[in-house]
Protein backbone atom coordinates (compact mmCIF):
# COMPACT_ATOMS: atom_id res chain seq x y z
CA UNK A 1 3.83 15.04 5.98
CA UNK A 2 4.29 11.13 5.81
CA UNK A 3 7.35 9.32 5.04
CA UNK A 4 7.97 8.16 1.88
CA UNK A 5 9.53 4.72 1.33
CA UNK A 6 10.74 3.52 -1.72
CA UNK A 7 11.15 -0.20 -2.35
CA UNK A 8 12.07 -2.50 -5.26
CA UNK A 9 14.84 -4.85 -6.52
CA UNK A 10 18.10 -3.75 -6.10
CA UNK A 11 19.69 -1.70 -8.76
CA UNK A 12 16.16 -0.21 -9.66
CA UNK A 13 17.40 3.41 -8.74
CA UNK A 14 15.84 3.72 -5.24
CA UNK A 15 18.75 5.77 -3.92
CA UNK A 16 18.92 7.95 -6.94
CA UNK A 17 15.30 8.98 -7.17
CA UNK A 18 15.07 9.18 -3.24
CA UNK A 19 17.84 11.57 -3.09
CA UNK A 20 16.45 13.82 -5.51
CA UNK A 21 12.78 13.29 -4.02
CA UNK A 22 14.12 14.12 -0.50
CA UNK A 23 15.96 17.17 -1.79
CA UNK A 24 12.68 18.63 -3.99
CA UNK A 25 10.86 18.16 -0.59
CA UNK A 26 13.24 19.37 1.59
CA UNK A 27 13.41 16.16 3.71
CA UNK A 28 16.29 14.04 4.97
CA UNK A 29 17.07 10.99 2.96
CA UNK A 30 18.07 7.78 4.27
CA UNK A 31 19.20 4.58 2.40
CA UNK A 32 18.58 1.61 4.95
CA UNK A 33 21.82 -0.24 3.62
CA UNK A 34 23.99 2.61 4.08
CA UNK A 35 22.44 3.28 7.61
CA UNK A 36 23.40 -0.41 8.40
CA UNK A 37 26.83 0.29 7.19
CA UNK A 38 27.32 3.60 9.21
CA UNK A 39 26.00 1.77 12.41
CA UNK A 40 28.09 -1.24 12.14
CA UNK A 41 30.97 0.25 10.60
CA UNK A 42 31.08 -2.48 8.19
CA UNK A 43 29.74 -3.03 4.42
CA UNK A 44 26.62 -4.69 3.91
CA UNK A 45 28.68 -7.58 1.85
CA UNK A 46 31.02 -7.87 4.76
CA UNK A 47 27.85 -8.53 7.20
CA UNK A 48 26.73 -11.01 4.88
CA UNK A 49 29.75 -12.98 4.77
CA UNK A 50 30.13 -12.84 8.40
CA UNK A 51 26.75 -13.80 9.62
CA UNK A 52 25.13 -15.10 6.36
CA UNK A 53 21.71 -13.63 5.09
CA UNK A 54 19.49 -14.56 8.15
CA UNK A 55 22.16 -12.78 10.51
CA UNK A 56 21.93 -9.69 8.19
CA UNK A 57 18.13 -10.01 7.87
CA UNK A 58 17.62 -9.61 11.73
CA UNK A 59 20.18 -6.53 11.94
CA UNK A 60 18.20 -5.05 8.68
CA UNK A 61 14.88 -5.68 10.73
CA UNK A 62 16.06 -3.91 13.75
CA UNK A 63 17.46 -1.00 11.57
CA UNK A 64 14.65 -0.38 9.78
CA UNK A 65 12.29 -0.44 12.91
CA UNK A 66 14.92 2.13 13.74
CA UNK A 67 14.97 4.53 10.76
CA UNK A 68 11.15 4.21 10.03
CA UNK A 69 10.28 5.83 13.36
CA UNK A 70 12.13 9.08 12.09
CA UNK A 71 9.58 11.83 10.82
CA UNK A 72 9.51 13.37 7.46
CA UNK A 73 12.04 11.39 5.71
CA UNK A 74 12.55 9.53 2.28
CA UNK A 75 13.60 5.89 2.73
CA UNK A 76 14.95 3.88 0.29
CA UNK A 77 14.80 0.05 1.49
CA UNK A 78 17.19 -2.88 0.64
CA UNK A 79 16.06 -4.99 -2.43
CA UNK A 80 15.12 -7.75 0.11
CA UNK A 81 13.73 -5.77 2.94
CA UNK A 82 10.17 -6.05 2.16
CA UNK A 83 10.42 -10.06 1.81
CA UNK A 84 11.39 -10.82 5.51
CA UNK A 85 9.76 -10.68 8.90
CA UNK A 86 6.44 -8.38 8.79
CA UNK A 87 8.68 -5.66 7.05
CA UNK A 88 6.03 -4.95 4.11
CA UNK A 89 3.18 -4.53 6.71
CA UNK A 90 5.14 -2.09 9.01
CA UNK A 91 6.53 0.09 6.29
CA UNK A 92 2.87 0.50 5.02
CA UNK A 93 1.99 1.80 8.37
CA UNK A 94 4.88 3.89 8.68
CA UNK A 95 4.47 5.68 5.66
CA UNK A 96 3.87 5.98 1.58
CA UNK A 97 5.21 3.02 0.06
CA UNK A 98 6.08 3.07 -3.56
CA UNK A 99 7.40 0.22 -5.56
CA UNK A 100 9.87 1.09 -8.17
CA UNK A 101 9.48 -1.84 -10.69
CA UNK A 102 12.20 -2.29 -13.50
CA UNK A 103 12.41 -5.20 -15.89
CA UNK A 104 15.41 -7.56 -15.29
CA UNK A 105 17.00 -6.21 -18.22
CA UNK A 106 17.29 -2.79 -16.81
CA UNK A 107 18.39 -4.05 -13.41
CA UNK A 108 21.19 -6.02 -15.23
CA UNK A 109 21.77 -2.56 -16.86
CA UNK A 110 22.03 -0.51 -13.57
CA UNK A 111 23.94 -3.17 -11.84
CA UNK A 112 26.56 -2.71 -14.62
CA UNK A 113 27.18 0.66 -13.76
CA UNK A 114 26.84 0.73 -10.01
CA UNK A 115 29.80 0.28 -7.71
CA UNK A 116 28.18 -1.57 -5.02
CA UNK A 117 29.05 -5.00 -4.11
CA UNK A 118 26.10 -7.13 -4.55
CA UNK A 119 26.54 -10.35 -2.39
CA UNK A 120 23.27 -12.03 -3.67
CA UNK A 121 24.76 -11.61 -7.51
CA UNK A 122 28.44 -12.44 -6.99
CA UNK A 123 29.96 -14.95 -9.42
CA UNK A 124 26.78 -14.39 -11.96
CA UNK A 125 27.29 -12.64 -15.25
CA UNK A 126 25.59 -12.70 -18.58
CA UNK A 127 22.51 -15.03 -19.33
CA UNK A 128 22.99 -16.64 -15.91
CA UNK A 129 22.85 -13.21 -14.38
CA UNK A 130 19.75 -12.09 -15.97
CA UNK A 131 18.20 -15.71 -15.48
CA UNK A 132 18.99 -15.29 -11.78
CA UNK A 133 17.38 -11.71 -11.51
CA UNK A 134 14.20 -12.63 -13.32
CA UNK A 135 13.87 -15.62 -11.07
CA UNK A 136 14.71 -13.73 -8.05
CA UNK A 137 12.24 -10.51 -8.91
CA UNK A 138 9.25 -13.18 -9.47
CA UNK A 139 9.91 -14.63 -5.92
CA UNK A 140 9.92 -11.13 -4.51
CA UNK A 141 6.82 -9.64 -6.41
CA UNK A 142 4.30 -10.65 -4.16
CA UNK A 143 6.05 -8.61 -1.52
CA UNK A 144 6.86 -5.53 -3.78
CA UNK A 145 3.13 -5.34 -4.83
CA UNK A 146 1.98 -4.79 -1.23
CA UNK A 147 3.18 -1.26 -1.52
CA UNK A 148 0.62 1.42 -1.93
CA UNK A 149 1.78 2.71 -5.13
CA UNK A 150 3.82 1.23 -8.14
CA UNK A 151 5.77 3.18 -10.88
CA UNK A 152 7.76 1.85 -13.72
CA UNK A 153 11.51 2.80 -14.02
CA UNK A 154 12.52 1.31 -16.89
CA UNK A 155 13.48 4.57 -18.31
CA UNK A 156 15.72 5.93 -15.52
CA UNK A 157 18.62 6.67 -17.54
CA UNK A 158 19.38 10.54 -17.17
CA UNK A 159 18.95 13.16 -14.40
CA UNK A 160 16.08 14.72 -16.43
CA UNK A 161 14.15 11.15 -16.08
CA UNK A 162 14.96 11.13 -12.40
CA UNK A 163 13.18 14.62 -12.20
CA UNK A 164 10.40 13.40 -14.32
CA UNK A 165 10.22 10.32 -12.01
CA UNK A 166 10.18 12.65 -8.81
CA UNK A 167 7.05 14.48 -10.36
CA UNK A 168 5.36 11.53 -10.95
CA UNK A 169 5.89 10.26 -7.59
CA UNK A 170 4.94 13.47 -6.19
CA UNK A 171 1.72 13.49 -8.37
CA UNK A 172 0.65 9.93 -7.62
CA UNK A 173 1.42 10.26 -4.01
CA UNK A 174 0.14 13.77 -3.26
CA UNK A 175 3.29 14.40 -1.13
CA UNK A 176 3.61 17.69 -2.87
CA UNK A 177 0.24 19.02 -1.33
CA UNK A 178 1.26 18.02 2.00
CA UNK A 179 4.37 20.06 2.09
């Protein structure tokens, strides 16, 4: 079984889908941001505040290279992870990569119900938030589109839809047959 690595913009649902996918396949689930927080015993937002984005991205790179060496896992990357260093090429070598693509409007909706602090979005709301996300996503799209598979997650609004998306990922990637 190859690792399955989920990527996409923050708030796309990588953690929710990743947990359900791992449960279905009987694999361990890792969220890269949570992995970093456990290792450093600090919130990602605090690491960002203390070390800046560049400092955080170096930590993220090192932790990615550690967790992606695990076998038979489902891994959810941070929204910016694919866009730095050689991270996207690296994860494409380490497993099946799936880009979870959502519209900026859906991202805003997901972020409003999320309890996570998003350092890159603090102090933004309304149209300014939507415009920022749309611009930021456009900048990152070339990296995201290097994934082996792309799925639309604009309808990810219930547990039933999460299960349907897991079915779609399994069908698309052939991961269910490998088990």
